[in-house]
Amino acid sequence: MTSSLRAIGSWLARRAENVAAAMLGAMFLAFLLQIVFRYVFGLPIGWTHEISVVLWIWLVLWGASFVITEREEIRFDIIYGAVGPGARRVMCIITAVALIALYLISFPAVLDYVTFMKVEKTGYLKIRFNWLFSIYILFVIATVIRYIWLAWQAMRGVAPVDFDPTKASSGV
């Protein structure tokens, strides 16, 4: 990969993290606003709960699509860490093929459901559900692309990074 592509990828990764941080910040502010209105003013407001739920859905799927790296993905570390690079490559290929197949088989039904949900809106903010659920479509596309790349790398002989549970951290 050329250095300019790496720079662009790094810049896009930082922007994806910025979007996730903004969503988390907005969700936190809505949560605080909900507490203040309910317990200080005695006026419960529903839209803050709704925006928190919407932002949580988007934050989780956005993060899984564009922020989380392969090393940060959840896996069965006991088995994965106990095998060598060749077995990790085979496990990566099997996992990638299974996930790609499942996501691609389900994609037409998901697309139909999301587009169908344009007839429904959320209770307070009147956000159409097709807009709310559209993040899942992005998630599926990003996940399929990620696993195609991982399978391609594994078939080329590049083993996934070995995970050492004694060096696990919170990412800092």
C-alpha atoms as a PDB file:
ATOM      1  CA  MET A   1       0.000   0.000   0.000  1.00  0.00           C
ATOM      2  CA  THR A   2       1.412   3.392  -0.886  1.00  0.00           C
ATOM      3  CA  SER A   3       2.181   5.989   1.743  1.00  0.00           C
ATOM      4  CA  SER A   4      -0.465   8.371   0.382  1.00  0.00           C
ATOM      5  CA  LEU A   5      -3.155   5.676   0.706  1.00  0.00           C
ATOM      6  CA  ARG A   6      -1.992   4.963   4.249  1.00  0.00           C
ATOM      7  CA  ALA A   7      -2.185   8.682   5.050  1.00  0.00           C
ATOM      8  CA  ILE A   8      -5.692   8.926   3.626  1.00  0.00           C
ATOM      9  CA  GLY A   9      -6.756   5.799   5.533  1.00  0.00           C
ATOM     10  CA  SER A  10      -5.279   7.147   8.750  1.00  0.00           C
ATOM     11  CA  TRP A  11      -7.038  10.487   8.246  1.00  0.00           C
ATOM     12  CA  LEU A  12     -10.373   8.731   7.585  1.00  0.00           C
ATOM     13  CA  ALA A  13      -9.897   6.539  10.678  1.00  0.00           C
ATOM     14  CA  ARG A  14      -9.360   9.633  12.829  1.00  0.00           C
ATOM     15  CA  ARG A  15     -12.495  11.259  11.372  1.00  0.00           C
ATOM     16  CA  ALA A  16     -14.496   8.104  12.114  1.00  0.00           C
ATOM     17  CA  GLU A  17     -13.252   8.283  15.703  1.00  0.00           C
ATOM     18  CA  ASN A  18     -14.269  11.976  15.792  1.00  0.00           C
ATOM     19  CA  VAL A  19     -17.791  11.068  14.669  1.00  0.00           C
ATOM     20  CA  ALA A  20     -18.002   8.329  17.327  1.00  0.00           C
ATOM     21  CA  ALA A  21     -16.759  10.746  20.002  1.00  0.00           C
ATOM     22  CA  ALA A  22     -19.319  13.358  18.910  1.00  0.00           C
ATOM     23  CA  MET A  23     -22.112  10.786  19.126  1.00  0.00           C
ATOM     24  CA  LEU A  24     -20.947   9.714  22.583  1.00  0.00           C
ATOM     25  CA  GLY A  25     -20.756  13.342  23.707  1.00  0.00           C
ATOM     26  CA  ALA A  26     -24.225  14.130  22.374  1.00  0.00           C
ATOM     27  CA  MET A  27     -25.627  11.025  24.045  1.00  0.00           C
ATOM     28  CA  PHE A  28     -24.023  12.020  27.352  1.00  0.00           C
ATOM     29  CA  LEU A  29     -25.406  15.571  27.101  1.00  0.00           C
ATOM     30  CA  ALA A  30     -28.895  14.248  26.352  1.00  0.00           C
ATOM     31  CA  PHE A  31     -28.580  11.934  29.357  1.00  0.00           C
ATOM     32  CA  LEU A  32     -27.546  14.828  31.626  1.00  0.00           C
ATOM     33  CA  LEU A  33     -30.350  16.986  30.264  1.00  0.00           C
ATOM     34  CA  GLN A  34     -32.818  14.214  31.003  1.00  0.00           C
ATOM     35  CA  ILE A  35     -31.596  13.995  34.617  1.00  0.00           C
ATOM     36  CA  VAL A  36     -31.740  17.759  35.137  1.00  0.00           C
ATOM     37  CA  PHE A  37     -35.240  18.119  33.704  1.00  0.00           C
ATOM     38  CA  ARG A  38     -36.594  15.126  35.612  1.00  0.00           C
ATOM     39  CA  TYR A  39     -35.017  15.644  39.033  1.00  0.00           C
ATOM     40  CA  VAL A  40     -34.333  19.386  39.202  1.00  0.00           C
ATOM     41  CA  PHE A  41     -37.338  20.790  37.349  1.00  0.00           C
ATOM     42  CA  GLY A  42     -39.720  17.857  37.844  1.00  0.00           C
ATOM     43  CA  LEU A  43     -40.453  17.832  34.109  1.00  0.00           C
ATOM     44  CA  PRO A  44     -39.637  14.480  32.516  1.00  0.00           C
ATOM     45  CA  ILE A  45     -38.892  14.801  28.802  1.00  0.00           C
ATOM     46  CA  GLY A  46     -39.036  11.847  26.459  1.00  0.00           C
ATOM     47  CA  TRP A  47     -37.023  13.046  23.504  1.00  0.00           C
ATOM     48  CA  THR A  48     -33.773  12.830  25.484  1.00  0.00           C
ATOM     49  CA  HIS A  49     -34.314   9.130  26.073  1.00  0.00           C
ATOM     50  CA  GLU A  50     -35.149   8.631  22.422  1.00  0.00           C
ATOM     51  CA  ILE A  51     -32.070  10.485  21.174  1.00  0.00           C
ATOM     52  CA  SER A  52     -29.901   8.491  23.608  1.00  0.00           C
ATOM     53  CA  VAL A  53     -31.227   5.203  22.220  1.00  0.00           C
ATOM     54  CA  VAL A  54     -30.809   6.349  18.611  1.00  0.00           C
ATOM     55  CA  LEU A  55     -27.270   7.553  19.271  1.00  0.00           C
ATOM     56  CA  TRP A  56     -26.402   4.313  21.076  1.00  0.00           C
ATOM     57  CA  ILE A  57     -27.520   2.219  18.113  1.00  0.00           C
ATOM     58  CA  TRP A  58     -25.564   4.414  15.720  1.00  0.00           C
ATOM     59  CA  LEU A  59     -22.517   4.572  17.995  1.00  0.00           C
ATOM     60  CA  VAL A  60     -22.237   0.803  18.353  1.00  0.00           C
ATOM     61  CA  LEU A  61     -22.673   0.057  14.646  1.00  0.00           C
ATOM     62  CA  TRP A  62     -20.557   3.032  13.497  1.00  0.00           C
ATOM     63  CA  GLY A  63     -17.788   1.976  15.853  1.00  0.00           C
ATOM     64  CA  ALA A  64     -17.929  -1.640  14.717  1.00  0.00           C
ATOM     65  CA  SER A  65     -17.889  -0.522  11.081  1.00  0.00           C
ATOM     66  CA  PHE A  66     -15.256   2.192  11.036  1.00  0.00           C
ATOM     67  CA  VAL A  67     -13.445   2.569  14.358  1.00  0.00           C
ATOM     68  CA  ILE A  68     -12.678  -0.852  15.840  1.00  0.00           C
ATOM     69  CA  THR A  69      -9.579  -2.523  14.414  1.00  0.00           C
ATOM     70  CA  GLU A  70      -9.146  -6.241  13.842  1.00  0.00           C
ATOM     71  CA  ARG A  71      -7.004  -6.535  16.989  1.00  0.00           C
ATOM     72  CA  GLU A  72      -9.844  -5.036  19.046  1.00  0.00           C
ATOM     73  CA  GLU A  73     -12.487  -7.450  17.758  1.00  0.00           C
ATOM     74  CA  ILE A  74     -13.901  -9.970  20.198  1.00  0.00           C
ATOM     75  CA  ARG A  75     -12.720 -13.517  19.608  1.00  0.00           C
ATOM     76  CA  PHE A  76     -12.153 -16.770  21.478  1.00  0.00           C
ATOM     77  CA  ASP A  77      -8.688 -15.849  22.688  1.00  0.00           C
ATOM     78  CA  ILE A  78      -8.030 -19.104  24.514  1.00  0.00           C
ATOM     79  CA  ILE A  79      -8.206 -21.123  21.307  1.00  0.00           C
ATOM     80  CA  TYR A  80      -6.926 -18.380  19.017  1.00  0.00           C
ATOM     81  CA  GLY A  81      -3.884 -17.617  21.149  1.00  0.00           C
ATOM     82  CA  ALA A  82      -2.985 -21.269  21.616  1.00  0.00           C
ATOM     83  CA  VAL A  83      -2.498 -22.049  17.921  1.00  0.00           C
ATOM     84  CA  GLY A  84       0.231 -21.072  15.522  1.00  0.00           C
ATOM     85  CA  PRO A  85       0.126 -18.668  12.581  1.00  0.00           C
ATOM     86  CA  GLY A  86      -1.003 -21.324  10.073  1.00  0.00           C
ATOM     87  CA  ALA A  87      -3.984 -22.361  12.177  1.00  0.00           C
ATOM     88  CA  ARG A  88      -4.878 -18.695  12.789  1.00  0.00           C
ATOM     89  CA  ARG A  89      -4.876 -18.142   9.021  1.00  0.00           C
ATOM     90  CA  VAL A  90      -7.217 -21.116   8.524  1.00  0.00           C
ATOM     91  CA  MET A  91      -9.486 -19.892  11.334  1.00  0.00           C
ATOM     92  CA  CYS A  92      -9.504 -16.418   9.785  1.00  0.00           C
ATOM     93  CA  ILE A  93     -10.456 -17.771   6.355  1.00  0.00           C
ATOM     94  CA  ILE A  94     -13.239 -19.984   7.748  1.00  0.00           C
ATOM     95  CA  THR A  95     -14.631 -17.145   9.842  1.00  0.00           C
ATOM     96  CA  ALA A  96     -14.410 -14.682   6.957  1.00  0.00           C
ATOM     97  CA  VAL A  97     -16.138 -16.994   4.471  1.00  0.00           C
ATOM     98  CA  ALA A  98     -18.914 -17.799   6.959  1.00  0.00           C
ATOM     99  CA  LEU A  99     -19.534 -14.163   7.862  1.00  0.00           C
ATOM    100  CA  ILE A 100     -19.384 -12.929   4.277  1.00  0.00           C
ATOM    101  CA  ALA A 101     -21.852 -15.624   3.213  1.00  0.00           C
ATOM    102  CA  LEU A 102     -24.263 -14.924   6.072  1.00  0.00           C
ATOM    103  CA  TYR A 103     -24.218 -11.160   5.596  1.00  0.00           C
ATOM    104  CA  LEU A 104     -24.595 -11.379   1.812  1.00  0.00           C
ATOM    105  CA  ILE A 105     -27.426 -13.933   2.044  1.00  0.00           C
ATOM    106  CA  SER A 106     -29.299 -11.742   4.535  1.00  0.00           C
ATOM    107  CA  PHE A 107     -28.545  -8.434   2.799  1.00  0.00           C
ATOM    108  CA  PRO A 108     -31.549  -8.355   0.404  1.00  0.00           C
ATOM    109  CA  ALA A 109     -33.962  -8.990   3.290  1.00  0.00           C
ATOM    110  CA  VAL A 110     -32.235  -6.363   5.425  1.00  0.00           C
ATOM    111  CA  LEU A 111     -32.415  -3.838   2.606  1.00  0.00           C
ATOM    112  CA  ASP A 112     -36.120  -4.597   2.071  1.00  0.00           C
ATOM    113  CA  TYR A 113     -36.828  -4.208   5.796  1.00  0.00           C
ATOM    114  CA  VAL A 114     -34.938  -0.943   6.143  1.00  0.00           C
ATOM    115  CA  THR A 115     -36.619   0.593   3.084  1.00  0.00           C
ATOM    116  CA  PHE A 116     -40.019  -0.691   4.248  1.00  0.00           C
ATOM    117  CA  MET A 117     -39.573   1.027   7.617  1.00  0.00           C
ATOM    118  CA  LYS A 118     -39.946   4.457   6.006  1.00  0.00           C
ATOM    119  CA  VAL A 119     -43.614   4.195   6.978  1.00  0.00           C
ATOM    120  CA  GLU A 120     -42.807   4.304  10.713  1.00  0.00           C
ATOM    121  CA  LYS A 121     -41.382   7.152  12.796  1.00  0.00           C
ATOM    122  CA  THR A 122     -40.039   7.432  16.314  1.00  0.00           C
ATOM    123  CA  GLY A 123     -42.400   8.694  18.992  1.00  0.00           C
ATOM    124  CA  TYR A 124     -40.907  12.044  19.963  1.00  0.00           C
ATOM    125  CA  LEU A 125     -38.481  13.187  17.306  1.00  0.00           C
ATOM    126  CA  LYS A 126     -40.390  11.695  14.352  1.00  0.00           C
ATOM    127  CA  ILE A 127     -37.214  10.200  12.857  1.00  0.00           C
ATOM    128  CA  ARG A 128     -38.157   7.780  10.105  1.00  0.00           C
ATOM    129  CA  PHE A 129     -37.069   4.276  11.001  1.00  0.00           C
ATOM    130  CA  ASN A 130     -35.439   3.742   7.622  1.00  0.00           C
ATOM    131  CA  TRP A 131     -33.016   6.565   8.504  1.00  0.00           C
ATOM    132  CA  LEU A 132     -32.523   5.138  11.967  1.00  0.00           C
ATOM    133  CA  PHE A 133     -31.781   1.619  10.683  1.00  0.00           C
ATOM    134  CA  SER A 134     -29.708   2.742   7.692  1.00  0.00           C
ATOM    135  CA  ILE A 135     -26.558   2.456   9.812  1.00  0.00           C
ATOM    136  CA  TYR A 136     -27.024  -1.321   9.742  1.00  0.00           C
ATOM    137  CA  ILE A 137     -26.657  -1.299   5.959  1.00  0.00           C
ATOM    138  CA  LEU A 138     -23.367   0.594   6.300  1.00  0.00           C
ATOM    139  CA  PHE A 139     -22.317  -1.885   8.991  1.00  0.00           C
ATOM    140  CA  VAL A 140     -22.998  -4.889   6.740  1.00  0.00           C
ATOM    141  CA  ILE A 141     -21.133  -3.365   3.784  1.00  0.00           C
ATOM    142  CA  ALA A 142     -18.144  -2.370   5.941  1.00  0.00           C
ATOM    143  CA  THR A 143     -18.035  -5.788   7.614  1.00  0.00           C
ATOM    144  CA  VAL A 144     -18.159  -7.659   4.311  1.00  0.00           C
ATOM    145  CA  ILE A 145     -15.360  -5.498   2.903  1.00  0.00           C
ATOM    146  CA  ARG A 146     -13.296  -5.987   6.075  1.00  0.00           C
ATOM    147  CA  TYR A 147     -13.642  -9.761   5.985  1.00  0.00           C
ATOM    148  CA  ILE A 148     -12.917  -9.947   2.268  1.00  0.00           C
ATOM    149  CA  TRP A 149      -9.684  -8.093   3.014  1.00  0.00           C
ATOM    150  CA  LEU A 150      -8.860 -10.319   6.000  1.00  0.00           C
ATOM    151  CA  ALA A 151      -9.528 -13.500   4.009  1.00  0.00           C
ATOM    152  CA  TRP A 152      -7.410 -12.197   1.134  1.00  0.00           C
ATOM    153  CA  GLN A 153      -4.562 -11.407   3.511  1.00  0.00           C
ATOM    154  CA  ALA A 154      -4.811 -14.847   5.130  1.00  0.00           C
ATOM    155  CA  MET A 155      -4.819 -16.582   1.727  1.00  0.00           C
ATOM    156  CA  ARG A 156      -1.701 -14.617   0.782  1.00  0.00           C
ATOM    157  CA  GLY A 157       0.048 -16.041   3.838  1.00  0.00           C
ATOM    158  CA  VAL A 158      -0.324 -13.130   6.247  1.00  0.00           C
ATOM    159  CA  ALA A 159      -1.435 -14.572   9.578  1.00  0.00           C
ATOM    160  CA  PRO A 160      -3.682 -12.475  11.810  1.00  0.00           C
ATOM    161  CA  VAL A 161      -1.807 -10.869  14.675  1.00  0.00           C
ATOM    162  CA  ASP A 162      -1.226 -13.174  17.627  1.00  0.00           C
ATOM    163  CA  PHE A 163      -3.073 -12.002  20.723  1.00  0.00           C
ATOM    164  CA  ASP A 164      -1.202 -12.101  23.999  1.00  0.00           C
ATOM    165  CA  PRO A 165      -3.762 -11.908  26.831  1.00  0.00           C
ATOM    166  CA  THR A 166      -1.036 -10.916  29.304  1.00  0.00           C
ATOM    167  CA  LYS A 167      -0.603  -7.656  27.357  1.00  0.00           C
ATOM    168  CA  ALA A 168      -4.293  -6.810  27.021  1.00  0.00           C
ATOM    169  CA  SER A 169      -5.181  -3.198  27.679  1.00  0.00           C
ATOM    170  CA  SER A 170      -8.011  -0.741  27.253  1.00  0.00           C
ATOM    171  CA  GLY A 171      -6.424   0.582  24.072  1.00  0.00           C
ATOM    172  CA  VAL A 172      -4.610   3.466  25.719  1.00  0.00           C
END
